[in-house]
Protein backbone atom coordinates (compact mmCIF):
# COMPACT_ATOMS: atom_id res chain seq x y z
CA MET A 1 -71.17 -20.34 -30.87
CA SER A 2 -71.13 -23.89 -29.66
CA GLU A 3 -73.16 -24.41 -26.47
CA ARG A 4 -70.19 -27.03 -24.62
CA GLU A 5 -67.42 -25.20 -22.91
CA ASP A 6 -64.82 -27.61 -23.58
CA PHE A 7 -64.31 -26.62 -27.04
CA PRO A 8 -61.76 -24.10 -26.89
CA ASP A 9 -59.72 -26.67 -24.95
CA SER A 10 -60.03 -29.47 -27.46
CA ILE A 11 -58.97 -26.79 -30.44
CA ARG A 12 -55.72 -26.37 -28.39
CA LEU A 13 -54.73 -29.71 -28.03
CA PHE A 14 -54.02 -29.32 -32.07
CA GLN A 15 -50.84 -27.20 -31.49
CA MET A 16 -49.45 -30.71 -29.94
CA TYR A 17 -49.78 -32.19 -33.51
CA PRO A 18 -47.66 -31.57 -36.18
CA SER A 19 -49.54 -33.10 -38.99
CA GLU A 20 -53.12 -32.76 -40.11
CA ASP A 21 -54.16 -36.42 -40.33
CA GLU A 22 -52.48 -36.73 -36.35
CA ALA A 23 -55.09 -34.22 -35.57
CA LYS A 24 -57.89 -35.44 -37.28
CA SER A 25 -57.25 -38.63 -35.46
CA LEU A 26 -57.20 -36.89 -32.28
CA LEU A 27 -60.43 -34.92 -33.49
CA ALA A 28 -62.05 -38.34 -34.13
CA ASP A 29 -61.46 -39.80 -30.42
CA LEU A 30 -62.46 -36.76 -28.72
CA HIS A 31 -66.11 -37.86 -30.31
CA LEU A 32 -66.96 -34.00 -31.39
CA ARG A 33 -69.63 -32.79 -33.35
CA PRO A 34 -69.83 -32.83 -36.73
CA GLU A 35 -69.61 -29.19 -36.75
CA GLU A 36 -67.08 -28.82 -34.12
CA ILE A 37 -65.00 -31.25 -36.32
CA GLU A 38 -65.88 -28.47 -39.38
CA VAL A 39 -64.72 -25.45 -37.60
CA ALA A 40 -61.89 -27.50 -35.78
CA THR A 41 -60.57 -28.85 -39.64
CA ARG A 42 -60.52 -25.32 -41.01
CA LEU A 43 -58.52 -24.24 -38.15
CA LEU A 44 -56.06 -26.82 -38.86
CA PRO A 45 -53.64 -25.73 -41.73
CA PRO A 46 -53.06 -22.12 -40.59
CA LEU A 47 -52.41 -23.19 -37.21
CA ILE A 48 -50.01 -26.24 -37.91
CA GLN A 49 -48.43 -23.63 -40.43
CA LEU A 50 -47.86 -21.16 -37.53
CA TYR A 51 -46.15 -23.59 -35.18
CA THR A 52 -44.05 -24.91 -37.83
CA ALA A 53 -42.43 -21.60 -38.47
CA GLN A 54 -42.61 -20.95 -34.63
CA ILE A 55 -40.87 -24.15 -34.18
CA ALA A 56 -37.97 -23.40 -37.16
CA ASN A 57 -37.75 -19.92 -35.57
CA TYR A 58 -36.90 -21.93 -32.18
CA GLU A 59 -34.21 -24.49 -34.01
CA ARG A 60 -32.70 -21.53 -35.34
CA GLN A 61 -32.39 -19.52 -32.25
CA LEU A 62 -31.08 -22.95 -30.68
CA ALA A 63 -28.66 -23.51 -33.13
CA THR A 64 -26.99 -19.81 -32.78
CA SER A 65 -27.06 -20.50 -29.07
CA ARG A 66 -25.13 -23.80 -29.38
CA GLU A 67 -22.67 -22.15 -31.62
CA GLU A 68 -22.22 -19.11 -28.89
CA ASN A 69 -22.03 -21.45 -26.39
CA ALA A 70 -19.11 -23.33 -28.38
CA ARG A 71 -17.72 -20.35 -29.40
CA LEU A 72 -17.24 -18.94 -26.08
CA LYS A 73 -15.85 -22.31 -24.72
CA THR A 74 -13.46 -22.38 -27.02
CA GLN A 75 -12.50 -18.66 -26.52
CA LEU A 76 -12.15 -19.86 -22.55
CA GLU A 77 -10.48 -22.16 -23.25
CA GLU A 78 -7.65 -19.93 -25.04
CA ASP A 79 -8.05 -17.45 -22.54
CA THR A 80 -7.53 -20.27 -19.75
CA GLU A 81 -4.75 -21.31 -21.37
CA ALA A 82 -3.36 -18.03 -22.05
CA ALA A 83 -4.01 -16.69 -18.70
CA PHE A 84 -2.16 -19.81 -16.97
CA ALA A 85 0.66 -19.78 -19.52
CA LEU A 86 1.40 -16.00 -17.74
CA ILE A 87 0.79 -17.00 -14.33
CA VAL A 88 3.53 -20.02 -14.74
CA GLU A 89 5.51 -17.08 -16.67
CA GLU A 90 4.93 -14.52 -13.60
CA LYS A 91 5.85 -17.12 -11.18
CA LYS A 92 9.37 -18.32 -12.86
CA LYS A 93 9.95 -14.49 -12.56
CA ALA A 94 8.78 -14.09 -8.75
CA ASP A 95 10.82 -17.57 -7.98
CA GLU A 96 13.80 -15.95 -9.87
CA LEU A 97 13.43 -12.63 -7.93
CA ALA A 98 13.15 -14.76 -4.38
CA LYS A 99 16.18 -16.57 -5.07
CA ARG A 100 18.11 -13.37 -5.74
CA VAL A 101 16.50 -11.59 -2.71
CA GLU A 102 17.71 -14.64 -0.86
CA ALA A 103 21.25 -14.32 -2.39
CA PHE A 104 21.19 -10.77 -1.26
CA ARG A 105 20.35 -11.21 1.70
CA THR A 106 22.78 -13.85 2.38
CA ILE A 107 25.45 -11.40 0.82
CA VAL A 108 24.34 -8.55 3.36
CA HIS A 109 24.41 -10.90 6.33
CA GLY A 110 27.50 -12.19 5.14
CA LEU A 111 28.83 -8.17 5.30
CA GLU A 112 27.11 -7.22 8.68
CA GLY A 113 28.77 -10.33 10.11
CA THR A 114 31.90 -8.97 8.72
CA VAL A 115 31.46 -5.47 9.63
CA ASP A 116 30.91 -7.17 13.23
CA THR A 117 34.12 -8.83 13.41
CA LEU A 118 36.01 -5.73 12.04
CA THR A 119 34.48 -3.63 14.74
CA THR A 120 34.89 -6.18 17.57
CA ASP A 121 38.67 -6.42 16.25
CA SER A 122 38.79 -3.00 16.41
CA ARG A 123 37.94 -2.59 20.07
CA THR A 124 39.40 -5.73 21.33
CA ASP A 125 42.97 -6.62 22.39
CA ALA A 126 44.20 -9.57 20.14
CA LEU A 127 46.25 -11.20 22.98
CA THR A 128 43.84 -11.09 25.87
CA GLY A 129 40.50 -10.62 24.33
CA VAL A 130 39.15 -7.50 26.75
CA LEU A 131 38.92 -4.36 25.35
CA ASN A 132 41.38 -2.07 23.87
CA ARG A 133 42.52 1.61 24.62
CA ARG A 134 40.76 2.80 22.03
CA ALA A 135 37.42 1.12 23.27
CA TYR A 136 38.47 2.44 27.04
CA ASP A 137 38.76 5.62 25.96
CA GLU A 138 35.22 5.34 23.92
CA THR A 139 33.39 3.72 26.80
CA LEU A 140 34.90 5.49 30.03
CA LEU A 141 33.31 9.17 28.00
CA GLU A 142 30.01 7.30 27.78
CA GLU A 143 29.92 6.22 31.23
CA LEU A 144 31.52 9.53 32.94
CA LYS A 145 28.85 11.60 30.37
CA ARG A 146 25.80 9.13 31.64
CA ALA A 147 27.03 9.44 35.65
CA GLN A 148 27.07 13.50 35.37
CA ARG A 149 23.82 13.40 33.65
CA TYR A 150 22.09 11.33 36.84
CA GLU A 151 24.60 12.33 38.89
CA ARG A 152 25.92 8.68 39.62
CA PRO A 153 29.15 7.60 40.95
CA VAL A 154 31.36 5.82 38.55
CA SER A 155 35.16 4.25 39.46
CA VAL A 156 38.03 3.27 37.57
CA ILE A 157 40.69 1.00 38.89
CA MET A 158 43.87 0.76 37.26
CA LEU A 159 46.39 -2.30 37.76
CA ASP A 160 49.75 -3.41 36.73
CA GLY A 161 51.55 -6.44 36.92
CA ASP A 162 54.62 -6.28 39.66
CA HIS A 163 57.82 -6.97 37.97
CA PHE A 164 56.47 -8.34 34.94
CA LYS A 165 59.80 -7.95 33.22
CA ARG A 166 61.03 -10.76 35.44
CA ILE A 167 58.40 -13.05 33.84
CA ASN A 168 59.70 -12.78 30.77
CA ASP A 169 63.27 -12.83 31.22
CA ASN A 170 62.61 -15.92 33.71
CA TYR A 171 60.20 -17.98 31.21
CA GLY A 172 60.39 -16.62 28.20
CA HIS A 173 57.50 -13.89 26.19
CA LEU A 174 55.46 -16.84 25.64
CA ALA A 175 55.05 -17.49 29.32
CA GLY A 176 54.77 -13.70 29.85
CA ASP A 177 51.54 -13.52 27.27
CA HIS A 178 50.14 -16.32 29.59
CA ILE A 179 50.35 -14.43 32.31
CA LEU A 180 48.82 -11.78 30.60
CA LYS A 181 45.99 -13.82 29.49
CA GLY A 182 45.39 -15.63 32.89
CA LEU A 183 45.47 -11.98 34.56
CA ALA A 184 42.80 -10.45 32.26
CA ASN A 185 40.70 -13.72 32.68
CA THR A 186 41.12 -13.20 36.58
CA VAL A 187 39.56 -9.77 36.21
CA LYS A 188 36.92 -10.71 33.93
CA ALA A 189 36.00 -13.11 36.69
CA ASN A 190 35.31 -11.01 39.05
CA VAL A 191 33.81 -8.07 38.07
CA ARG A 192 30.09 -7.70 36.95
CA TYR A 193 29.44 -9.04 33.25
CA GLY A 194 27.84 -7.03 31.18
CA VAL A 195 27.89 -3.71 33.45
CA ASP A 196 31.62 -3.28 34.40
CA LYS A 197 34.29 -2.84 31.65
CA VAL A 198 37.88 -4.49 31.53
CA ALA A 199 40.55 -3.18 29.04
CA ARG A 200 44.27 -3.64 28.29
CA TYR A 201 45.76 -0.06 28.69
CA GLY A 202 49.33 -0.77 27.27
CA GLY A 203 51.67 -3.44 28.52
CA GLU A 204 50.97 -5.07 31.35
CA GLU A 205 48.93 -2.25 32.76
CA PHE A 206 44.76 -3.26 32.93
CA ALA A 207 41.97 -0.61 33.59
CA ILE A 208 38.47 -1.64 35.14
CA ILE A 209 35.41 0.87 34.60
CA LEU A 210 32.83 0.28 37.52
CA PRO A 211 29.54 2.52 36.53
CA GLU A 212 27.25 2.77 39.70
CA THR A 213 30.23 2.38 41.98
CA GLY A 214 31.28 4.82 44.50
CA SER A 215 35.45 4.57 45.61
CA GLN A 216 34.39 1.71 48.94
CA GLY A 217 33.02 -0.21 46.09
CA ALA A 218 35.90 0.18 43.98
CA GLU A 219 38.65 -0.28 46.54
CA GLN A 220 36.82 -3.51 47.89
CA LEU A 221 36.69 -5.05 44.59
CA ALA A 222 40.28 -4.43 43.92
CA GLU A 223 41.60 -5.69 47.18
CA LYS A 224 39.90 -8.69 46.12
CA ILE A 225 41.41 -9.12 42.28
CA ARG A 226 44.73 -8.45 44.43
CA GLY A 227 44.44 -11.41 46.90
CA ILE A 228 43.65 -13.59 44.18
CA MET A 229 46.31 -12.70 41.97
CA GLU A 230 48.76 -12.85 45.05
CA ASN A 231 47.46 -16.62 45.61
CA VAL A 232 46.57 -18.08 42.38
CA PRO A 233 49.11 -19.06 39.87
CA LEU A 234 48.19 -17.69 36.77
CA TYR A 235 50.22 -19.64 34.55
CA ASN A 236 52.28 -23.31 35.21
CA GLU A 237 52.55 -22.46 39.15
CA VAL A 238 53.98 -19.08 38.05
CA ARG A 239 52.68 -16.23 40.79
CA ILE A 240 52.59 -12.40 39.93
CA THR A 241 51.45 -9.86 42.12
CA ALA A 242 49.83 -6.66 40.90
CA SER A 243 49.48 -3.10 42.16
CA PHE A 244 46.37 -0.93 42.18
CA GLY A 245 45.40 2.40 41.67
CA VAL A 246 41.51 3.72 42.48
CA ALA A 247 39.95 7.15 41.34
CA SER A 248 36.11 8.01 41.15
CA TYR A 249 33.46 10.28 40.09
CA ASP A 250 31.14 11.33 43.12
CA PRO A 251 28.40 13.23 41.78
CA LEU A 252 28.29 14.68 45.64
CA THR A 253 31.70 16.76 44.98
CA LYS A 254 30.20 19.15 41.68
CA MET A 255 33.54 17.98 40.67
CA GLU A 256 34.42 18.73 36.79
CA ILE A 257 35.92 15.95 35.92
CA THR A 258 36.91 14.50 32.28
CA PRO A 259 37.80 10.73 31.40
CA ALA A 260 41.52 12.01 31.08
CA THR A 261 41.08 13.48 34.57
CA LEU A 262 39.56 10.16 35.79
CA THR A 263 42.32 8.03 34.34
CA ASP A 264 45.09 10.00 35.16
CA MET A 265 44.01 10.14 38.77
CA ALA A 266 44.00 6.38 38.90
CA ASP A 267 47.17 6.73 37.49
CA LYS A 268 48.71 8.39 39.85
CA ALA A 269 47.04 6.33 42.81
CA LEU A 270 48.72 3.17 41.01
CA TYR A 271 52.34 5.00 41.02
CA ASP A 272 51.80 5.72 44.61
CA ALA A 273 51.01 1.76 45.41
CA LYS A 274 54.07 0.81 43.10
CA ARG A 275 56.14 3.25 45.03
CA ASP A 276 55.17 1.86 48.42
CA GLY A 277 55.97 -1.55 48.12
CA ARG A 278 53.61 -2.62 45.36
CA ASN A 279 51.05 -5.64 45.79
CA LYS A 280 49.15 -2.86 47.12
CA VAL A 281 45.37 -0.96 46.85
CA VAL A 282 46.01 2.47 46.73
CA VAL A 283 42.79 4.95 46.54
CA TYR A 284 43.19 8.54 45.15
CA ASN A 285 42.42 11.06 47.69
CA LYS A 286 43.59 14.68 46.38
């Protein structure tokens, strides 16, 4: 063994050189002793052969790795292109479906509007715009059931234009229609919006449904409307008076009553008002 401790390190330096001549040149530069140069010279050929083979192996692995990377890159590009095409196609389908959904929503909205219009038309008097007889019957049934359930009062006012036939005879039916519209508007303007309900019961006869209103409150409202109609022209300075009949459901009386009964009570009071000279308010009290 050489006494120099750095001899193995000197030998390892041979791994950096691919040829024997270059290795020998290095040995001369290191100033090794002759015996060290002899040993190193014997080791050079196998070391060079070993590392040359190793380099070739690494180069093959590197080439294989580069080929695989290229293949993966190509596949990724192809897959990405295919995925992008699929995304584009699916977006087209989604856009088409969205258009169809929007079209159907428009159709449904239109149909709902038509249904609402038809429903409103079926419950509204075409001339005056207030509820018609059918809607009056349905509304009174609902309000009377609620009043009986919660033991609350509800009232009905029936009113009829006095001598309305004279309006048609003297001014014509067109003027009569305007008078009916004016009468309806006068009533609507003096009831509680969204609470009380006004209906055309038939001809020149109107009805008012007053939830949460007893006999006294209904009578006061009827008197107020009567006074307005007596003093305010409804059409082209034409005035018309009206007669009023009031009937109420009082939960304290525990009286069994139906919508037809309550309406009949108000109608009888209206008849009494006309019989007593018209332009009056009569409260049913039998």
